[in-house]
């Protein structure tokens, strides 16, 4: 079950999981649910049901473990509000826009063949941009899940 928490001037979203393993200063957390937690509510997306069909293995995250949580302990993970939306924007909008712009540019230069080549080049540029953003954000602690005390 997901919940929203306000504190430290930042709004966060949280979800429950179980410590599956401990590796030095980090813990491997196995999530109890897939989706945002609103899946079963009226008007929810139902993504939890889709995730169960498509993802056989449970989702796991490696997070810092400053409180030295033990294996099997039920913990609450938090994620800063907006980081999930930002990730979705990078993952869906940027590659799609790059593909569209590449196709339009290619079409203006060489008709149908140019549109196909431009779309492929645009998709590649979008994918490379996504990888770059992923590497940049992976080092930023603001975008990393953490165990809520």
C-alpha atoms as a PDB file:
ATOM      1  CA  UNK A   1       0.000   0.000   0.000  1.00  0.00           C
ATOM      2  CA  UNK A   2       1.356   3.385  -0.991  1.00  0.00           C
ATOM      3  CA  UNK A   3       0.981   6.552   1.021  1.00  0.00           C
ATOM      4  CA  UNK A   4       2.018  10.184   0.763  1.00  0.00           C
ATOM      5  CA  UNK A   5       4.013  11.757   3.553  1.00  0.00           C
ATOM      6  CA  UNK A   6       5.003  15.393   4.028  1.00  0.00           C
ATOM      7  CA  UNK A   7       8.095  16.285   5.985  1.00  0.00           C
ATOM      8  CA  UNK A   8      11.397  18.140   5.770  1.00  0.00           C
ATOM      9  CA  UNK A   9       9.782  20.542   3.297  1.00  0.00           C
ATOM     10  CA  UNK A  10       9.515  17.776   0.704  1.00  0.00           C
ATOM     11  CA  UNK A  11       6.542  15.604  -0.084  1.00  0.00           C
ATOM     12  CA  UNK A  12       7.328  11.915  -0.472  1.00  0.00           C
ATOM     13  CA  UNK A  13       5.582   8.798  -1.692  1.00  0.00           C
ATOM     14  CA  UNK A  14       6.119   5.587   0.214  1.00  0.00           C
ATOM     15  CA  UNK A  15       5.540   1.875  -0.306  1.00  0.00           C
ATOM     16  CA  UNK A  16       6.122  -1.215   1.807  1.00  0.00           C
ATOM     17  CA  UNK A  17       8.659  -3.932   1.238  1.00  0.00           C
ATOM     18  CA  UNK A  18      10.651  -6.625   3.006  1.00  0.00           C
ATOM     19  CA  UNK A  19      14.413  -6.738   3.536  1.00  0.00           C
ATOM     20  CA  UNK A  20      15.551  -9.680   1.398  1.00  0.00           C
ATOM     21  CA  UNK A  21      19.307  -9.347   2.014  1.00  0.00           C
ATOM     22  CA  UNK A  22      21.833  -7.088   3.693  1.00  0.00           C
ATOM     23  CA  UNK A  23      25.061  -6.164   1.920  1.00  0.00           C
ATOM     24  CA  UNK A  24      27.310  -3.982   4.066  1.00  0.00           C
ATOM     25  CA  UNK A  25      25.755  -0.517   4.298  1.00  0.00           C
ATOM     26  CA  UNK A  26      22.927  -1.411   1.874  1.00  0.00           C
ATOM     27  CA  UNK A  27      19.796  -3.547   2.007  1.00  0.00           C
ATOM     28  CA  UNK A  28      18.048  -5.338  -0.844  1.00  0.00           C
ATOM     29  CA  UNK A  29      14.321  -4.597  -0.478  1.00  0.00           C
ATOM     30  CA  UNK A  30      11.710  -6.815  -2.158  1.00  0.00           C
ATOM     31  CA  UNK A  31       8.571  -4.791  -2.799  1.00  0.00           C
ATOM     32  CA  UNK A  32       5.274  -6.162  -1.520  1.00  0.00           C
ATOM     33  CA  UNK A  33       3.226  -4.661  -4.370  1.00  0.00           C
ATOM     34  CA  UNK A  34       3.726  -3.421  -7.901  1.00  0.00           C
ATOM     35  CA  UNK A  35       2.197  -0.169  -9.037  1.00  0.00           C
ATOM     36  CA  UNK A  36       1.485   3.048  -7.215  1.00  0.00           C
ATOM     37  CA  UNK A  37      -0.866   1.688  -4.567  1.00  0.00           C
ATOM     38  CA  UNK A  38      -3.982   3.251  -6.083  1.00  0.00           C
ATOM     39  CA  UNK A  39      -4.445   0.318  -8.456  1.00  0.00           C
ATOM     40  CA  UNK A  40      -7.322  -1.210  -6.536  1.00  0.00           C
ATOM     41  CA  UNK A  41      -9.059   2.102  -5.804  1.00  0.00           C
ATOM     42  CA  UNK A  42     -11.896   3.436  -7.941  1.00  0.00           C
ATOM     43  CA  UNK A  43     -10.340   5.293 -10.838  1.00  0.00           C
ATOM     44  CA  UNK A  44      -6.985   3.562 -10.333  1.00  0.00           C
ATOM     45  CA  UNK A  45      -5.014   2.387 -13.356  1.00  0.00           C
ATOM     46  CA  UNK A  46      -4.930  -1.330 -12.537  1.00  0.00           C
ATOM     47  CA  UNK A  47      -1.173  -1.390 -13.161  1.00  0.00           C
ATOM     48  CA  UNK A  48      -0.702  -3.784 -10.259  1.00  0.00           C
ATOM     49  CA  UNK A  49      -2.680  -6.451 -12.123  1.00  0.00           C
ATOM     50  CA  UNK A  50      -0.681  -5.895 -15.305  1.00  0.00           C
ATOM     51  CA  UNK A  51       2.598  -6.036 -13.378  1.00  0.00           C
ATOM     52  CA  UNK A  52       1.647  -9.427 -11.928  1.00  0.00           C
ATOM     53  CA  UNK A  53       1.063 -10.781 -15.433  1.00  0.00           C
ATOM     54  CA  UNK A  54       4.230  -9.381 -17.000  1.00  0.00           C
ATOM     55  CA  UNK A  55       6.721  -9.420 -14.130  1.00  0.00           C
ATOM     56  CA  UNK A  56       7.153 -12.837 -12.571  1.00  0.00           C
ATOM     57  CA  UNK A  57      10.069 -11.855 -10.336  1.00  0.00           C
ATOM     58  CA  UNK A  58       9.339  -9.432  -7.493  1.00  0.00           C
ATOM     59  CA  UNK A  59      10.808  -5.935  -7.845  1.00  0.00           C
ATOM     60  CA  UNK A  60      13.844  -5.331  -5.685  1.00  0.00           C
ATOM     61  CA  UNK A  61      15.792  -2.183  -4.850  1.00  0.00           C
ATOM     62  CA  UNK A  62      19.243  -1.761  -3.324  1.00  0.00           C
ATOM     63  CA  UNK A  63      19.012   1.122  -0.848  1.00  0.00           C
ATOM     64  CA  UNK A  64      21.201   2.552   1.922  1.00  0.00           C
ATOM     65  CA  UNK A  65      20.551   0.861   5.275  1.00  0.00           C
ATOM     66  CA  UNK A  66      21.685   3.375   7.929  1.00  0.00           C
ATOM     67  CA  UNK A  67      19.453   1.853  10.646  1.00  0.00           C
ATOM     68  CA  UNK A  68      20.882  -1.629   9.971  1.00  0.00           C
ATOM     69  CA  UNK A  69      17.544  -3.284   9.233  1.00  0.00           C
ATOM     70  CA  UNK A  70      17.602  -7.095   9.399  1.00  0.00           C
ATOM     71  CA  UNK A  71      16.590  -9.680   6.798  1.00  0.00           C
ATOM     72  CA  UNK A  72      12.855 -10.330   6.934  1.00  0.00           C
ATOM     73  CA  UNK A  73      12.028  -6.967   8.489  1.00  0.00           C
ATOM     74  CA  UNK A  74       9.035  -5.122   6.990  1.00  0.00           C
ATOM     75  CA  UNK A  75      10.131  -1.588   5.993  1.00  0.00           C
ATOM     76  CA  UNK A  76       8.675   1.471   4.349  1.00  0.00           C
ATOM     77  CA  UNK A  77      10.545   2.879   1.345  1.00  0.00           C
ATOM     78  CA  UNK A  78      10.151   6.527   0.446  1.00  0.00           C
ATOM     79  CA  UNK A  79      10.716   8.331  -2.807  1.00  0.00           C
ATOM     80  CA  UNK A  80      10.727  12.116  -3.180  1.00  0.00           C
ATOM     81  CA  UNK A  81       7.540  13.366  -4.836  1.00  0.00           C
ATOM     82  CA  UNK A  82       8.058  14.153  -8.490  1.00  0.00           C
ATOM     83  CA  UNK A  83      10.944  11.781  -9.099  1.00  0.00           C
ATOM     84  CA  UNK A  84       8.616   9.063 -10.395  1.00  0.00           C
ATOM     85  CA  UNK A  85       6.902  11.495 -12.761  1.00  0.00           C
ATOM     86  CA  UNK A  86      10.260  12.783 -13.924  1.00  0.00           C
ATOM     87  CA  UNK A  87      11.393   9.232 -14.663  1.00  0.00           C
ATOM     88  CA  UNK A  88       8.220   8.542 -16.641  1.00  0.00           C
ATOM     89  CA  UNK A  89       8.736  11.746 -18.624  1.00  0.00           C
ATOM     90  CA  UNK A  90      12.279  10.719 -19.518  1.00  0.00           C
ATOM     91  CA  UNK A  91      11.279   7.149 -20.341  1.00  0.00           C
ATOM     92  CA  UNK A  92       8.276   7.908 -22.551  1.00  0.00           C
ATOM     93  CA  UNK A  93       8.164  11.510 -23.738  1.00  0.00           C
ATOM     94  CA  UNK A  94      11.774  12.147 -24.721  1.00  0.00           C
ATOM     95  CA  UNK A  95      12.277   9.087 -26.964  1.00  0.00           C
ATOM     96  CA  UNK A  96       8.850   9.611 -28.540  1.00  0.00           C
ATOM     97  CA  UNK A  97       9.522  13.296 -29.247  1.00  0.00           C
ATOM     98  CA  UNK A  98      12.974  12.515 -30.625  1.00  0.00           C
ATOM     99  CA  UNK A  99      11.479   9.857 -32.918  1.00  0.00           C
ATOM    100  CA  UNK A 100       8.797  12.277 -34.136  1.00  0.00           C
ATOM    101  CA  UNK A 101      11.237  15.132 -34.731  1.00  0.00           C
ATOM    102  CA  UNK A 102      13.648  12.791 -36.509  1.00  0.00           C
ATOM    103  CA  UNK A 103      10.872  11.529 -38.769  1.00  0.00           C
ATOM    104  CA  UNK A 104       9.725  15.069 -39.597  1.00  0.00           C
ATOM    105  CA  UNK A 105      13.267  16.228 -40.324  1.00  0.00           C
ATOM    106  CA  UNK A 106      14.042  13.143 -42.405  1.00  0.00           C
ATOM    107  CA  UNK A 107      10.774  13.492 -44.324  1.00  0.00           C
ATOM    108  CA  UNK A 108      11.581  17.081 -45.229  1.00  0.00           C
ATOM    109  CA  UNK A 109      14.986  15.997 -46.548  1.00  0.00           C
ATOM    110  CA  UNK A 110      14.230  12.725 -48.359  1.00  0.00           C
ATOM    111  CA  UNK A 111      10.506  11.859 -48.371  1.00  0.00           C
ATOM    112  CA  UNK A 112       9.484   8.427 -47.048  1.00  0.00           C
ATOM    113  CA  UNK A 113      12.955   6.888 -46.840  1.00  0.00           C
ATOM    114  CA  UNK A 114      14.218   9.945 -45.025  1.00  0.00           C
ATOM    115  CA  UNK A 115      11.299   9.765 -42.596  1.00  0.00           C
ATOM    116  CA  UNK A 116      12.120   6.158 -41.755  1.00  0.00           C
ATOM    117  CA  UNK A 117      15.831   6.883 -41.345  1.00  0.00           C
ATOM    118  CA  UNK A 118      15.119  10.062 -39.393  1.00  0.00           C
ATOM    119  CA  UNK A 119      12.716   8.230 -37.093  1.00  0.00           C
ATOM    120  CA  UNK A 120      15.330   5.540 -36.411  1.00  0.00           C
ATOM    121  CA  UNK A 121      18.015   8.172 -35.781  1.00  0.00           C
ATOM    122  CA  UNK A 122      15.650  10.151 -33.548  1.00  0.00           C
ATOM    123  CA  UNK A 123      14.780   7.060 -31.546  1.00  0.00           C
ATOM    124  CA  UNK A 124      18.478   6.322 -31.077  1.00  0.00           C
ATOM    125  CA  UNK A 125      19.108   9.898 -29.907  1.00  0.00           C
ATOM    126  CA  UNK A 126      16.133   9.639 -27.517  1.00  0.00           C
ATOM    127  CA  UNK A 127      17.423   6.353 -26.118  1.00  0.00           C
ATOM    128  CA  UNK A 128      20.940   7.726 -25.656  1.00  0.00           C
ATOM    129  CA  UNK A 129      19.497  10.788 -23.894  1.00  0.00           C
ATOM    130  CA  UNK A 130      17.508   8.496 -21.617  1.00  0.00           C
ATOM    131  CA  UNK A 131      20.636   6.502 -20.733  1.00  0.00           C
ATOM    132  CA  UNK A 132      22.534   9.730 -19.996  1.00  0.00           C
ATOM    133  CA  UNK A 133      19.760  11.011 -17.723  1.00  0.00           C
ATOM    134  CA  UNK A 134      19.627   7.629 -15.963  1.00  0.00           C
ATOM    135  CA  UNK A 135      23.356   7.701 -15.238  1.00  0.00           C
ATOM    136  CA  UNK A 136      23.188  11.299 -14.028  1.00  0.00           C
ATOM    137  CA  UNK A 137      20.233  10.669 -11.713  1.00  0.00           C
ATOM    138  CA  UNK A 138      21.656   7.381 -10.383  1.00  0.00           C
ATOM    139  CA  UNK A 139      24.336   9.345  -8.539  1.00  0.00           C
ATOM    140  CA  UNK A 140      21.891  11.920  -7.134  1.00  0.00           C
ATOM    141  CA  UNK A 141      20.599  10.882  -3.680  1.00  0.00           C
ATOM    142  CA  UNK A 142      17.444  12.987  -4.160  1.00  0.00           C
ATOM    143  CA  UNK A 143      16.170  10.473  -6.714  1.00  0.00           C
ATOM    144  CA  UNK A 144      17.064   7.307  -4.795  1.00  0.00           C
ATOM    145  CA  UNK A 145      14.593   5.346  -2.667  1.00  0.00           C
ATOM    146  CA  UNK A 146      15.419   5.255   1.035  1.00  0.00           C
ATOM    147  CA  UNK A 147      14.184   3.396   4.099  1.00  0.00           C
ATOM    148  CA  UNK A 148      11.883   5.563   6.171  1.00  0.00           C
ATOM    149  CA  UNK A 149      12.646   5.506   9.885  1.00  0.00           C
END
